Protein backbone atom coordinates (compact mmCIF):
# COMPACT_ATOMS: atom_id res chain seq x y z
CA MET A 1 99.22 109.25 91.66
CA THR A 2 97.66 106.26 92.61
CA ILE A 3 94.74 105.76 95.25
CA ALA A 4 94.06 102.75 96.99
CA PRO A 5 90.63 101.41 96.29
CA LYS A 6 87.63 102.13 98.70
CA SER A 7 84.44 100.53 98.99
CA HIS A 8 82.18 103.21 100.50
CA GLY A 9 82.00 106.72 101.11
CA ARG A 10 80.73 109.84 99.77
CA ILE A 11 82.29 110.43 95.98
CA SER A 12 83.50 113.74 94.62
CA ALA A 13 85.41 114.23 91.46
CA ARG A 14 87.87 116.74 90.99
CA PRO A 15 90.08 118.05 87.93
CA THR A 16 93.80 117.40 88.10
CA LEU A 17 96.80 118.97 86.14
CA LYS A 18 98.88 115.68 85.88
CA PRO A 19 99.13 113.86 82.67
CA ARG A 20 96.66 111.48 81.73
CA GLU A 21 98.90 108.58 81.86
CA LEU A 22 99.45 109.19 85.85
CA ILE A 23 95.46 109.44 86.47
CA THR A 24 93.71 106.55 87.82
CA ASP A 25 89.66 106.33 87.45
CA THR A 26 89.06 106.09 91.38
CA PRO A 27 87.44 109.01 92.62
CA ASP A 28 87.94 110.83 95.90
CA LEU A 29 85.91 110.36 98.84
CA ALA A 30 84.52 113.54 99.86
CA GLY A 31 85.08 114.48 103.81
CA ALA A 32 87.30 111.27 104.67
CA TRP A 33 90.47 112.05 106.32
CA THR A 34 93.13 112.04 103.56
CA ALA A 35 97.05 110.40 103.76
CA GLN A 36 99.11 111.86 100.70
CA ILE A 37 102.37 109.97 100.70
CA ILE A 38 104.97 111.54 98.45
CA THR A 39 107.47 108.58 97.82
CA LEU A 40 109.94 106.63 95.60
CA PHE A 41 107.93 103.49 96.64
CA PRO A 42 104.43 103.86 96.26
CA GLN A 43 104.02 100.03 95.89
CA ALA A 44 105.03 100.11 99.58
CA PHE A 45 101.25 100.99 100.59
CA PRO A 46 99.06 100.49 102.02
CA GLY A 47 101.21 97.83 103.27
CA VAL A 48 100.09 97.05 106.85
CA LEU A 49 97.82 99.57 107.00
CA GLY A 50 95.77 97.55 104.62
CA GLU A 51 95.25 95.12 107.47
CA SER A 52 93.23 94.64 110.65
CA LEU A 53 91.36 98.03 111.72
CA THR A 54 92.88 100.32 109.71
CA GLY A 55 92.32 98.28 106.52
CA LYS A 56 88.77 98.11 107.33
CA ALA A 57 88.56 101.65 107.84
CA LEU A 58 90.26 102.16 104.60
CA GLN A 59 87.75 100.05 103.01
CA ASP A 60 84.97 101.42 104.42
CA GLY A 61 86.11 104.82 103.37
CA ARG A 62 86.51 106.61 106.73
CA TRP A 63 90.09 107.50 105.45
CA GLN A 64 91.71 107.62 102.02
CA LEU A 65 95.43 107.00 100.80
CA GLN A 66 96.67 108.96 98.03
CA THR A 67 100.33 107.91 97.01
CA TYR A 68 102.55 110.47 94.54
CA ASP A 69 105.45 108.35 92.82
CA LEU A 70 108.46 110.81 92.58
CA ARG A 71 109.84 108.76 89.61
CA ASP A 72 106.81 110.11 87.51
CA TYR A 73 108.05 113.63 88.22
CA GLY A 74 111.84 112.50 87.44
CA ILE A 75 114.09 114.55 84.69
CA GLY A 76 114.99 112.97 81.46
CA LYS A 77 114.85 109.82 79.80
CA HIS A 78 115.79 107.98 82.81
CA ARG A 79 113.41 110.05 85.25
CA ASN A 80 116.29 111.07 87.57
CA VAL A 81 115.15 112.31 91.02
CA ASP A 82 118.47 112.84 92.78
CA ASP A 83 121.81 114.16 92.26
CA THR A 84 125.30 114.65 93.80
CA PRO A 85 125.33 116.79 97.05
CA ALA A 86 126.64 120.53 96.64
CA GLY A 87 129.99 120.92 98.10
CA GLY A 88 130.69 116.87 97.62
CA GLY A 89 130.16 113.95 99.90
CA ALA A 90 128.91 110.49 100.07
CA GLY A 91 125.35 109.96 98.48
CA MET A 92 122.82 111.36 96.77
CA VAL A 93 120.16 114.23 97.24
CA LEU A 94 116.54 114.36 95.81
CA ARG A 95 116.38 117.20 93.74
CA ALA A 96 114.64 120.28 94.67
CA ASP A 97 112.52 120.81 91.03
CA VAL A 98 111.54 117.07 91.11
CA LEU A 99 110.15 117.61 94.59
CA GLU A 100 108.67 120.76 93.80
CA ALA A 101 106.52 118.88 91.08
CA ALA A 102 105.30 116.21 93.18
CA ILE A 103 104.46 118.75 96.16
CA VAL A 104 102.55 121.21 94.03
CA ASP A 105 100.63 118.28 92.74
CA ALA A 106 99.87 117.00 96.00
CA ARG A 107 99.07 120.30 97.50
CA ARG A 108 96.36 121.08 94.83
CA ALA A 109 94.88 117.79 95.64
CA ALA A 110 94.59 118.73 99.41
CA ARG A 111 91.41 119.88 100.83
CA GLY A 112 90.86 121.81 104.10
CA VAL A 113 93.78 121.43 107.00
CA MET A 114 96.31 119.31 105.76
CA PRO A 115 99.79 119.77 107.24
CA LEU A 116 102.74 119.32 105.16
CA ILE A 117 105.62 116.96 106.79
CA TYR A 118 108.99 115.70 106.07
CA LEU A 119 109.69 112.69 107.69
CA SER A 120 113.38 113.36 108.97
CA PRO A 121 115.47 112.65 112.48
CA ARG A 122 116.02 116.44 112.57
CA GLY A 123 112.28 117.10 113.47
CA PRO A 124 110.35 116.98 116.89
CA ARG A 125 109.54 113.40 117.82
CA PHE A 126 105.99 111.95 116.76
CA ASP A 127 103.74 111.46 120.04
CA GLN A 128 100.35 110.47 121.00
CA LYS A 129 99.68 114.41 121.21
CA MET A 130 100.69 114.90 117.75
CA ALA A 131 98.54 111.98 116.43
CA GLN A 132 95.49 113.15 118.03
CA THR A 133 96.15 116.84 116.52
CA TRP A 134 96.52 115.36 113.06
CA ALA A 135 93.48 113.47 113.47
CA GLY A 136 91.62 116.53 114.18
CA THR A 137 92.77 117.89 110.56
CA ASP A 138 91.43 116.74 107.20
CA GLY A 139 94.37 114.77 106.45
CA VAL A 140 98.09 115.02 106.21
CA THR A 141 100.99 115.08 103.49
CA LEU A 142 103.86 113.05 103.92
CA LEU A 143 107.24 113.53 102.09
CA CYS A 144 109.33 110.30 102.29
CA GLY A 145 112.75 110.90 101.98
CA ARG A 146 115.73 108.63 100.45
CA PHE A 147 119.38 108.46 100.19
CA GLU A 148 121.16 111.53 101.85
CA GLY A 149 117.56 113.50 102.23
CA VAL A 150 116.27 116.46 100.24
CA ASP A 151 117.15 119.63 98.87
CA GLU A 152 116.87 122.14 102.01
CA ARG A 153 115.58 124.72 99.63
CA VAL A 154 112.12 122.71 99.15
CA LEU A 155 111.76 122.52 103.19
CA ASP A 156 112.27 126.39 103.21
CA HIS A 157 110.23 127.46 100.16
CA PHE A 158 107.37 125.50 101.09
CA GLY A 159 107.56 125.68 105.02
CA ILE A 160 107.56 121.95 105.56
CA GLN A 161 107.69 120.94 109.08
CA GLU A 162 110.14 117.81 109.78
CA VAL A 163 108.84 115.26 112.15
CA SER A 164 110.92 112.12 113.43
CA LEU A 165 109.74 108.80 114.52
CA GLY A 166 112.45 108.31 116.90
CA ASP A 167 116.28 108.83 117.32
CA PHE A 168 117.41 106.66 114.93
CA VAL A 169 118.01 106.68 111.20
CA LEU A 170 116.17 104.58 108.50
CA THR A 171 116.56 104.12 105.14
CA GLY A 172 113.76 106.03 103.67
CA GLY A 173 110.54 107.56 105.51
CA GLU A 174 107.75 104.68 104.28
CA ILE A 175 108.15 102.94 107.43
CA ALA A 176 107.99 105.87 109.38
CA ALA A 177 105.06 107.33 107.32
CA GLN A 178 103.13 103.93 108.02
CA ALA A 179 103.71 104.12 111.80
CA MET A 180 102.53 107.45 111.88
CA ILE A 181 99.17 107.14 109.74
CA ASP A 182 98.34 104.03 112.06
CA ALA A 183 98.51 105.91 115.01
CA THR A 184 96.48 108.57 113.66
CA VAL A 185 93.93 106.74 111.70
CA ARG A 186 92.98 104.49 114.71
CA LEU A 187 91.99 107.62 116.28
CA LEU A 188 89.32 108.71 113.75
CA PRO A 189 85.59 108.39 114.68
CA GLY A 190 84.47 104.88 114.11
CA VAL A 191 87.62 103.25 113.56
CA LEU A 192 88.03 101.58 116.89
CA GLY A 193 85.20 99.22 117.97
CA ASN A 194 85.59 100.57 121.48
CA ALA A 195 85.65 104.34 121.65
CA ASP A 196 86.96 103.88 125.27
CA SER A 197 90.16 102.21 123.90
CA ALA A 198 91.70 105.27 122.60
CA VAL A 199 91.06 107.29 126.24
CA GLU A 200 92.23 104.37 128.45
CA GLU A 201 95.55 103.38 126.43
CA SER A 202 98.87 104.43 127.01
CA PHE A 203 99.85 108.02 126.85
CA SER A 204 96.29 109.19 126.58
CA ALA A 205 96.40 110.40 130.01
CA GLY A 206 100.21 111.05 130.37
CA LEU A 207 100.59 107.56 131.64
CA LEU A 208 102.11 104.50 130.31
CA GLU A 209 99.04 101.77 130.38
CA HIS A 210 98.29 99.37 133.38
CA PRO A 211 98.64 95.50 133.06
CA GLN A 212 96.03 93.70 130.92
CA TYR A 213 94.97 90.23 131.61
CA THR A 214 92.36 87.87 130.28
CA LYS A 215 91.57 83.92 130.54
CA PRO A 216 92.59 81.68 131.62
CA ALA A 217 92.14 82.92 135.41
CA GLU A 218 95.37 80.77 136.17
CA TRP A 219 98.29 79.98 133.91
CA GLN A 220 101.43 78.41 134.69
CA GLY A 221 100.96 79.17 138.06
CA HIS A 222 100.17 82.76 137.87
CA THR A 223 96.84 84.43 138.79
CA ILE A 224 94.85 87.57 137.66
CA PRO A 225 95.18 89.90 140.35
CA ASP A 226 92.12 89.61 142.72
CA VAL A 227 90.83 93.35 142.15
CA LEU A 228 90.12 92.46 138.75
CA LEU A 229 87.78 89.72 139.29
CA SER A 230 86.04 91.62 142.15
CA GLY A 231 83.44 93.50 139.98
CA ASN A 232 83.81 96.29 142.09
CA HIS A 233 84.56 98.83 139.09
CA ALA A 234 85.50 101.59 141.33
CA LYS A 235 88.50 99.57 142.92
CA ILE A 236 89.50 98.13 139.40
CA ALA A 237 89.75 101.95 138.16
CA GLU A 238 91.76 103.04 141.17
CA TRP A 239 94.09 100.01 140.99
CA ARG A 240 94.64 100.49 137.27
CA LYS A 241 95.74 104.19 137.83
CA ALA A 242 97.94 103.23 140.63
CA GLU A 243 99.31 100.83 138.28
CA GLY A 244 99.67 102.98 135.26
CA GLU A 245 101.42 105.60 137.50
CA ARG A 246 103.74 102.78 139.08
CA ILE A 247 104.98 101.67 135.79
CA THR A 248 105.39 105.09 134.31
CA LYS A 249 107.64 106.44 137.32
CA GLU A 250 109.83 102.92 137.10
CA ARG A 251 109.97 102.78 133.26
CA ARG A 252 109.64 106.76 131.94
CA PRO A 253 111.01 109.27 134.26
CA ASP A 254 110.58 111.69 131.59
CA LEU A 255 106.70 111.25 131.07
CA TRP A 256 106.35 110.82 134.87
CA ALA A 257 108.12 114.36 135.51
CA ASP A 258 105.60 116.03 133.01
CA TYR A 259 102.43 113.98 134.59
CA LYS A 260 103.48 115.18 138.17
CA GLN A 261 103.83 118.72 136.97
CA PRO A 262 101.10 121.23 138.82
CA GLY A 263 98.51 122.22 136.04
């Protein structure tokens, strides 16, 4: 397991059952929202999560990242993590015994309420509501698949929830994991500079976001709508709501149908 470096936060130590050579000397941050990643590519993290607001929040100890390298749990001299599919077929499947060892280690380190998720196109699609739910927990454990996926018995045994980034297939779960973590971490208290940003953006009220403008007031013959320069905040709010409704109705009839349902 490797843990991304942090510079602030309350520190707590915990025992580990992992071999000494797999331990880092970076302590946990007590109370920080925690993203655990089980992956064959721990070097892919934090990746873009180490930049901008999520990166600053990571440095400030508002959340922490723990990676579990599946290769560390591999079998035999070559640390094999996969094998051919039972019944034949192309590709390779991540072994149940390898996954079990990594999952058990991660769950031992988990604190509080931390959903265990397998990133898979078979699951329900990740959305803003799910990000809000995760942000209200103590963290999340994400299992990143590779090849043809994971042994189904692992999902059944641990009661793992499957979640999809969208209706398409990636070569692995790492990109999806970073996207989901980004969407969740930005909702944690203190991460966004303006708390209203998380309330007014797309999906938070069931609508797509209204158009945004900034200086200059005129560009290439295009001007900013007069209402936004009027200083009348009630009219501005009314315009923004109407524009959000218009765009949602035109571009996402599925969202619009949900939004218009009574109650």
